[in-house]
Amino acid sequence: MPSSELPAQCSSAPPRHTGEHTGAAYHARYRPPARVYRCDLCPAPAAFWDHCHDHGLIRGPLCRSCNGSEGFWVQARRGVEHLMRCPGCQSAGHPPLRNRVARIAPTMQLLLRHYDPARHPVFGHAEWAERTGVWKRIFTELSDGHASAEAQCMLRDCSGRWTVSVDRARFERLDRLRLLTEKELPGQAHHSSRPRWAAEPTEVFWLGDPVEVPSTARPVEGATVALPGAYARLLEETVPGLLQEAAPHRCWTRRGRAESLEITSDDVGLITLSAVLYLPGRRDPDRLWTAAERRGLHQAGERLRQALHVLTREL
């Protein structure tokens, strides 16, 4: 049997693909089959020839898991490198548009789900009101400097709608803060047996340089929030760098026997802090929390929620 037709269950590990088929025109019966190689993105045996849908050219062999994770590729350096193996994308200087749009999605989801004009008991019950084309439009508008889209509440019997607006500078700050959390936030990694795609600093590949931000863009405002002392100390131990970036203005205060950490930040910083409230528990799941720390966690969440409501209620 020719080596190109060996089954995937061969006892010896398949060889690495060295690029000999990269750039070839893809078709369904392309030979040799991808299963004679290892996956380009993980050690598993490959199952498919991945190809660029924009240019019709092969990038390389992928296993089933990695082939189904395309939405995560552009969040990690190895994924971007794989996308850019297409000669057509190399000439263009960027991956396909759908991958560039996927790059901004996790950050925009943080922005969307923490805007809460109706002040519901919990965040996360929001979605874009537009059903088609909204992500492409947001990406195009952000490339020009400023984007806005209508959001709607997902809770039953709630018809609330509001506009979410963000300029590119504030988006990029929130994106940088999100990446500081590595793989800890929802949407940044697979939570299954498949390979994890931890978010890393990767280029967004905007459509172009931003034009002047419209004068109607909302001015940046700030708010001061007091985090209970027991929980604030735990947060300082867990994410000191992120805390410094999200809330550079902070100080410890004492009222009687109670102490608290007062932080002053804009909505981008408060959204980031609200999203990472449970990081101490995720990073050390075996740690036994004190009653003061648990109580402080819930108080911190409520106070951040109130501050964000004040900053975003006019949107």
Protein backbone atom coordinates (compact mmCIF):
# COMPACT_ATOMS: atom_id res chain seq x y z
CA MET A 1 0.00 0.00 0.00
CA PRO A 2 1.43 3.43 -0.90
CA SER A 3 2.49 5.51 2.08
CA SER A 4 0.06 8.25 0.98
CA GLU A 5 -2.84 5.85 1.57
CA LEU A 6 -1.86 4.57 5.02
CA PRO A 7 -4.81 4.61 7.43
CA ALA A 8 -4.88 7.12 10.30
CA GLN A 9 -4.69 4.24 12.81
CA CYS A 10 -1.12 3.40 11.82
CA SER A 11 0.94 2.57 14.90
CA SER A 12 3.65 5.14 14.06
CA ALA A 13 2.80 8.81 14.54
CA PRO A 14 1.98 10.65 11.30
CA PRO A 15 4.69 13.06 10.13
CA ARG A 16 4.45 16.82 10.39
CA HIS A 17 3.30 18.69 7.32
CA THR A 18 6.25 20.77 6.11
CA GLY A 19 4.30 23.05 3.77
CA GLU A 20 4.59 21.03 0.58
CA HIS A 21 0.83 21.30 -0.04
CA THR A 22 0.31 24.82 1.31
CA GLY A 23 -0.96 27.11 -1.42
CA ALA A 24 -2.31 24.33 -3.62
CA ALA A 25 -5.82 24.77 -5.03
CA TYR A 26 -8.24 22.93 -2.75
CA HIS A 27 -10.86 20.47 -3.96
CA ALA A 28 -12.83 17.82 -2.10
CA ARG A 29 -10.79 14.91 -3.49
CA TYR A 30 -7.37 16.48 -3.05
CA ARG A 31 -4.66 13.86 -2.63
CA PRO A 32 -2.89 12.76 -0.58
CA PRO A 33 -5.56 12.80 2.15
CA ALA A 34 -4.83 15.00 5.15
CA ARG A 35 -4.90 12.00 7.52
CA VAL A 36 -1.38 11.00 6.50
CA TYR A 37 -0.12 14.01 8.48
CA ARG A 38 -0.35 15.37 11.99
CA CYS A 39 -2.49 18.42 12.71
CA ASP A 40 -0.70 21.71 12.11
CA LEU A 41 -2.06 23.17 15.38
CA CYS A 42 -1.85 20.24 17.83
CA PRO A 43 -0.26 16.76 18.07
CA ALA A 44 -3.42 14.88 17.03
CA PRO A 45 -3.71 13.08 13.67
CA ALA A 46 -5.15 15.32 10.97
CA ALA A 47 -8.50 14.66 9.34
CA PHE A 48 -9.08 17.53 6.88
CA TRP A 49 -7.23 19.85 4.56
CA ASP A 50 -8.01 23.30 5.87
CA HIS A 51 -8.30 25.91 3.14
CA CYS A 52 -8.99 29.62 2.80
CA HIS A 53 -12.54 30.14 1.60
CA ASP A 54 -11.67 33.56 0.18
CA HIS A 55 -8.88 32.31 -2.06
CA GLY A 56 -9.56 28.56 -2.34
CA LEU A 57 -6.00 27.67 -1.32
CA ILE A 58 -4.84 25.04 1.17
CA ARG A 59 -3.33 26.19 4.47
CA GLY A 60 -2.53 22.81 5.97
CA PRO A 61 -3.91 19.64 7.61
CA LEU A 62 -6.04 19.92 10.75
CA CYS A 63 -7.69 17.48 13.16
CA ARG A 64 -11.45 17.56 13.70
CA SER A 65 -11.17 19.57 16.89
CA CYS A 66 -8.94 22.33 15.54
CA ASN A 67 -10.86 22.46 12.27
CA GLY A 68 -14.03 23.22 14.25
CA SER A 69 -12.36 25.97 16.30
CA GLU A 70 -11.88 28.58 13.57
CA GLY A 71 -13.60 31.28 15.59
CA PHE A 72 -10.78 31.03 18.17
CA TRP A 73 -7.81 30.99 15.78
CA VAL A 74 -7.48 34.74 15.46
CA GLN A 75 -7.35 35.06 19.29
CA ALA A 76 -4.02 33.19 19.44
CA ARG A 77 -0.71 33.71 17.66
CA ARG A 78 -0.48 30.16 16.34
CA GLY A 79 -3.99 30.51 14.92
CA VAL A 80 -3.14 33.77 13.14
CA GLU A 81 0.02 32.19 11.75
CA HIS A 82 -2.08 29.32 10.40
CA LEU A 83 -4.57 31.70 8.77
CA MET A 84 -1.73 33.59 7.13
CA ARG A 85 -0.32 30.47 5.49
CA CYS A 86 -2.67 31.14 2.60
CA PRO A 87 -0.60 32.88 -0.13
CA GLY A 88 -3.61 35.05 -1.00
CA CYS A 89 -3.89 36.29 2.59
CA GLN A 90 -0.14 36.86 2.69
CA SER A 91 -0.39 39.08 -0.38
CA ALA A 92 -3.38 40.94 1.08
CA GLY A 93 -1.64 41.38 4.44
CA HIS A 94 -4.56 40.15 6.54
CA PRO A 95 -6.78 37.09 7.17
CA PRO A 96 -10.30 36.83 5.69
CA LEU A 97 -12.86 39.36 6.93
CA ARG A 98 -14.88 36.82 8.90
CA ASN A 99 -11.80 35.95 10.96
CA ARG A 100 -11.02 39.60 11.60
CA VAL A 101 -14.61 40.12 12.74
CA ALA A 102 -14.28 37.13 15.10
CA ARG A 103 -11.23 38.81 16.65
CA ILE A 104 -13.32 41.66 18.12
CA ALA A 105 -16.28 39.53 19.22
CA PRO A 106 -15.19 38.54 22.80
CA THR A 107 -14.34 42.14 23.69
CA MET A 108 -17.55 43.50 22.21
CA GLN A 109 -19.51 40.85 24.11
CA LEU A 110 -18.04 42.16 27.38
CA LEU A 111 -19.12 45.64 26.38
CA LEU A 112 -22.59 44.52 25.32
CA ARG A 113 -23.38 42.40 28.37
CA HIS A 114 -22.23 44.91 30.96
CA TYR A 115 -24.28 47.80 29.61
CA ASP A 116 -27.42 47.61 31.69
CA PRO A 117 -29.70 50.66 31.41
CA ALA A 118 -32.63 48.73 32.87
CA ARG A 119 -30.49 47.58 35.83
CA HIS A 120 -31.50 43.95 35.83
CA PRO A 121 -30.40 41.78 38.77
CA VAL A 122 -27.70 40.12 36.67
CA PHE A 123 -25.61 41.02 33.66
CA GLY A 124 -25.40 39.01 30.49
CA HIS A 125 -29.04 39.12 29.38
CA ALA A 126 -28.49 41.19 26.26
CA GLU A 127 -27.98 40.60 22.56
CA TRP A 128 -27.74 42.69 19.41
CA ALA A 129 -31.15 43.66 18.08
CA GLU A 130 -29.99 43.23 14.47
CA ARG A 131 -30.12 39.61 13.39
CA THR A 132 -27.89 39.71 10.29
CA GLY A 133 -24.74 41.58 9.39
CA VAL A 134 -24.34 43.36 12.72
CA TRP A 135 -20.82 42.08 13.47
CA LYS A 136 -19.48 43.04 10.05
CA ARG A 137 -21.04 46.50 10.38
CA ILE A 138 -19.58 47.02 13.87
CA PHE A 139 -16.13 45.98 12.63
CA THR A 140 -16.38 48.38 9.67
CA GLU A 141 -17.50 51.26 11.87
CA LEU A 142 -14.81 50.59 14.49
CA SER A 143 -12.22 50.61 11.71
CA ASP A 144 -13.40 54.15 10.96
CA GLY A 145 -13.13 55.13 14.62
CA HIS A 146 -16.55 54.78 16.23
CA ALA A 147 -19.32 52.13 16.27
CA SER A 148 -22.82 51.93 17.69
CA ALA A 149 -25.46 49.22 17.61
CA GLU A 150 -28.83 48.62 19.20
CA ALA A 151 -29.02 46.02 21.95
CA GLN A 152 -32.07 44.36 23.42
CA CYS A 153 -32.87 42.55 26.64
CA MET A 154 -33.16 38.76 26.46
CA LEU A 155 -35.21 38.37 29.63
CA ARG A 156 -38.79 37.19 29.29
CA ASP A 157 -41.42 39.93 29.32
CA CYS A 158 -38.75 42.63 28.87
CA SER A 159 -38.83 44.75 25.73
CA GLY A 160 -35.98 47.05 26.71
CA ARG A 161 -33.71 48.35 23.96
CA TRP A 162 -30.71 50.66 24.13
CA THR A 163 -27.78 51.81 22.03
CA VAL A 164 -24.25 50.64 22.78
CA SER A 165 -21.60 53.07 21.53
CA VAL A 166 -17.82 52.76 21.65
CA ASP A 167 -14.91 54.50 19.97
CA ARG A 168 -11.89 52.58 18.77
CA ALA A 169 -9.55 53.89 21.48
CA ARG A 170 -11.87 52.71 24.27
CA PHE A 171 -12.44 49.38 22.51
CA GLU A 172 -8.70 48.80 22.24
CA ARG A 173 -8.24 49.58 25.95
CA LEU A 174 -10.94 47.08 26.92
CA ASP A 175 -9.42 44.56 24.51
CA ARG A 176 -5.98 44.99 26.11
CA LEU A 177 -7.44 44.54 29.60
CA ARG A 178 -9.32 41.42 28.46
CA LEU A 179 -6.12 39.90 27.14
CA LEU A 180 -4.43 40.46 30.51
CA THR A 181 -6.79 37.86 31.98
CA GLU A 182 -5.27 35.22 29.66
CA LYS A 183 -7.67 32.25 29.42
CA GLU A 184 -9.80 33.06 32.44
CA LEU A 185 -12.84 34.78 30.94
CA PRO A 186 -15.73 33.03 29.17
CA GLY A 187 -15.30 32.87 25.43
CA GLN A 188 -11.51 32.88 25.50
CA ALA A 189 -10.95 29.12 25.63
CA HIS A 190 -12.68 25.82 25.09
CA HIS A 191 -13.95 24.30 28.33
CA SER A 192 -13.91 20.73 27.08
CA SER A 193 -11.45 18.03 26.11
CA ARG A 194 -10.58 19.90 22.92
CA PRO A 195 -7.36 21.95 22.73
CA ARG A 196 -7.58 25.22 24.66
CA TRP A 197 -7.24 28.49 22.77
CA ALA A 198 -6.04 30.97 25.35
CA ALA A 199 -6.39 34.57 24.24
CA GLU A 200 -3.07 36.24 23.40
CA PRO A 201 -2.18 39.72 22.14
CA THR A 202 -2.80 39.44 18.42
CA GLU A 203 -3.34 42.06 15.72
CA VAL A 204 -6.92 43.05 14.93
CA PHE A 205 -6.21 43.75 11.21
CA TRP A 206 -8.53 46.77 10.96
CA LEU A 207 -9.87 47.82 7.57
CA GLY A 208 -7.95 51.08 7.80
CA ASP A 209 -6.96 54.03 9.94
CA PRO A 210 -9.78 55.69 11.88
CA VAL A 211 -11.27 58.94 10.72
CA GLU A 212 -12.08 61.70 13.20
CA VAL A 213 -14.42 60.46 15.96
CA PRO A 214 -17.89 62.02 15.54
CA SER A 215 -18.59 64.93 17.87
CA THR A 216 -21.69 63.10 19.12
CA ALA A 217 -19.54 60.40 20.75
CA ARG A 218 -20.21 60.15 24.49
CA PRO A 219 -17.49 61.74 26.64
CA VAL A 220 -15.60 59.38 28.93
CA GLU A 221 -16.84 59.56 32.52
CA GLY A 222 -15.66 57.90 35.70
CA ALA A 223 -17.05 56.62 38.99
CA THR A 224 -15.65 55.68 42.39
CA VAL A 225 -16.49 52.29 43.90
CA ALA A 226 -15.56 51.00 47.37
CA LEU A 227 -14.58 47.32 47.35
CA PRO A 228 -14.91 45.63 50.79
CA GLY A 229 -11.51 45.12 52.38
CA ALA A 230 -11.42 41.32 52.79
CA TYR A 231 -12.35 40.69 49.17
CA ALA A 232 -10.25 43.60 47.85
CA ARG A 233 -7.11 42.14 49.43
CA LEU A 234 -7.86 38.80 47.76
CA LEU A 235 -8.33 40.55 44.41
CA GLU A 236 -5.06 42.44 44.83
CA GLU A 237 -3.23 39.16 45.47
CA THR A 238 -4.80 37.44 42.45
CA VAL A 239 -4.71 40.08 39.68
CA PRO A 240 -2.46 42.95 40.82
CA GLY A 241 -1.39 43.87 37.29
CA LEU A 242 -4.93 43.88 35.94
CA LEU A 243 -6.15 45.91 38.90
CA GLN A 244 -3.45 48.50 38.25
CA GLU A 245 -4.42 48.74 34.56
CA ALA A 246 -8.18 48.81 35.12
CA ALA A 247 -8.19 51.21 38.07
CA PRO A 248 -4.93 53.16 38.38
CA HIS A 249 -6.59 55.57 40.85
CA ARG A 250 -7.24 53.68 44.07
CA CYS A 251 -6.61 54.06 47.78
CA TRP A 252 -7.35 52.26 51.01
CA THR A 253 -9.77 53.93 53.43
CA ARG A 254 -10.97 53.01 56.91
CA ARG A 255 -14.27 53.81 58.60
CA GLY A 256 -14.26 52.51 62.12
CA ARG A 257 -13.10 48.91 62.03
CA ALA A 258 -14.10 48.44 58.40
CA GLU A 259 -11.67 49.11 55.59
CA SER A 260 -12.26 49.28 51.87
CA LEU A 261 -10.37 49.83 48.64
CA GLU A 262 -11.74 52.85 46.78
CA ILE A 263 -11.19 52.63 43.04
CA THR A 264 -11.93 55.28 40.45
CA SER A 265 -12.22 54.24 36.83
CA ASP A 266 -14.24 54.73 33.65
CA ASP A 267 -16.80 52.28 32.30
CA VAL A 268 -14.10 50.25 30.51
CA GLY A 269 -12.21 49.69 33.77
CA LEU A 270 -15.38 48.90 35.72
CA ILE A 271 -16.54 46.44 33.04
CA THR A 272 -13.18 44.68 33.28
CA LEU A 273 -13.33 44.49 37.08
CA SER A 274 -16.91 43.27 37.00
CA ALA A 275 -15.90 40.51 34.57
CA VAL A 276 -13.00 39.30 36.74
CA LEU A 277 -14.77 39.27 40.13
CA TYR A 278 -14.74 35.46 40.25
CA LEU A 279 -11.14 35.02 39.07
CA PRO A 280 -9.77 34.34 42.58
CA GLY A 281 -12.11 31.37 42.89
CA ARG A 282 -11.30 30.07 39.40
CA ARG A 283 -7.56 30.28 39.89
CA ASP A 284 -7.62 28.56 43.28
CA PRO A 285 -10.80 26.41 43.40
CA ASP A 286 -9.63 24.52 46.50
CA ARG A 287 -9.22 27.63 48.61
CA LEU A 288 -11.66 28.01 51.49
CA TRP A 289 -13.14 31.49 51.45
CA THR A 290 -13.89 33.28 54.69
CA ALA A 291 -17.37 34.61 55.34
CA ALA A 292 -16.05 38.18 54.99
CA GLU A 293 -14.52 37.39 51.58
CA ARG A 294 -17.73 35.80 50.28
CA ARG A 295 -19.80 38.70 51.56
CA GLY A 296 -17.32 41.16 50.05
CA LEU A 297 -17.54 39.43 46.66
CA HIS A 298 -21.30 39.94 46.45
CA GLN A 299 -21.06 43.51 47.74
CA ALA A 300 -18.34 44.33 45.21
CA GLY A 301 -20.47 42.94 42.38
CA GLU A 302 -23.50 44.98 43.41
CA ARG A 303 -21.51 48.20 43.79
CA LEU A 304 -19.83 47.79 40.40
CA ARG A 305 -23.23 47.04 38.88
CA GLN A 306 -24.69 50.22 40.38
CA ALA A 307 -21.77 52.33 39.12
CA LEU A 308 -22.01 50.87 35.62
CA HIS A 309 -25.74 51.53 35.61
CA VAL A 310 -25.10 55.20 36.34
CA LEU A 311 -22.44 55.46 33.63
CA THR A 312 -24.43 53.65 30.92
CA ARG A 313 -28.06 54.45 31.62
CA GLU A 314 -28.12 57.29 29.08
CA LEU A 315 -27.05 55.05 26.20
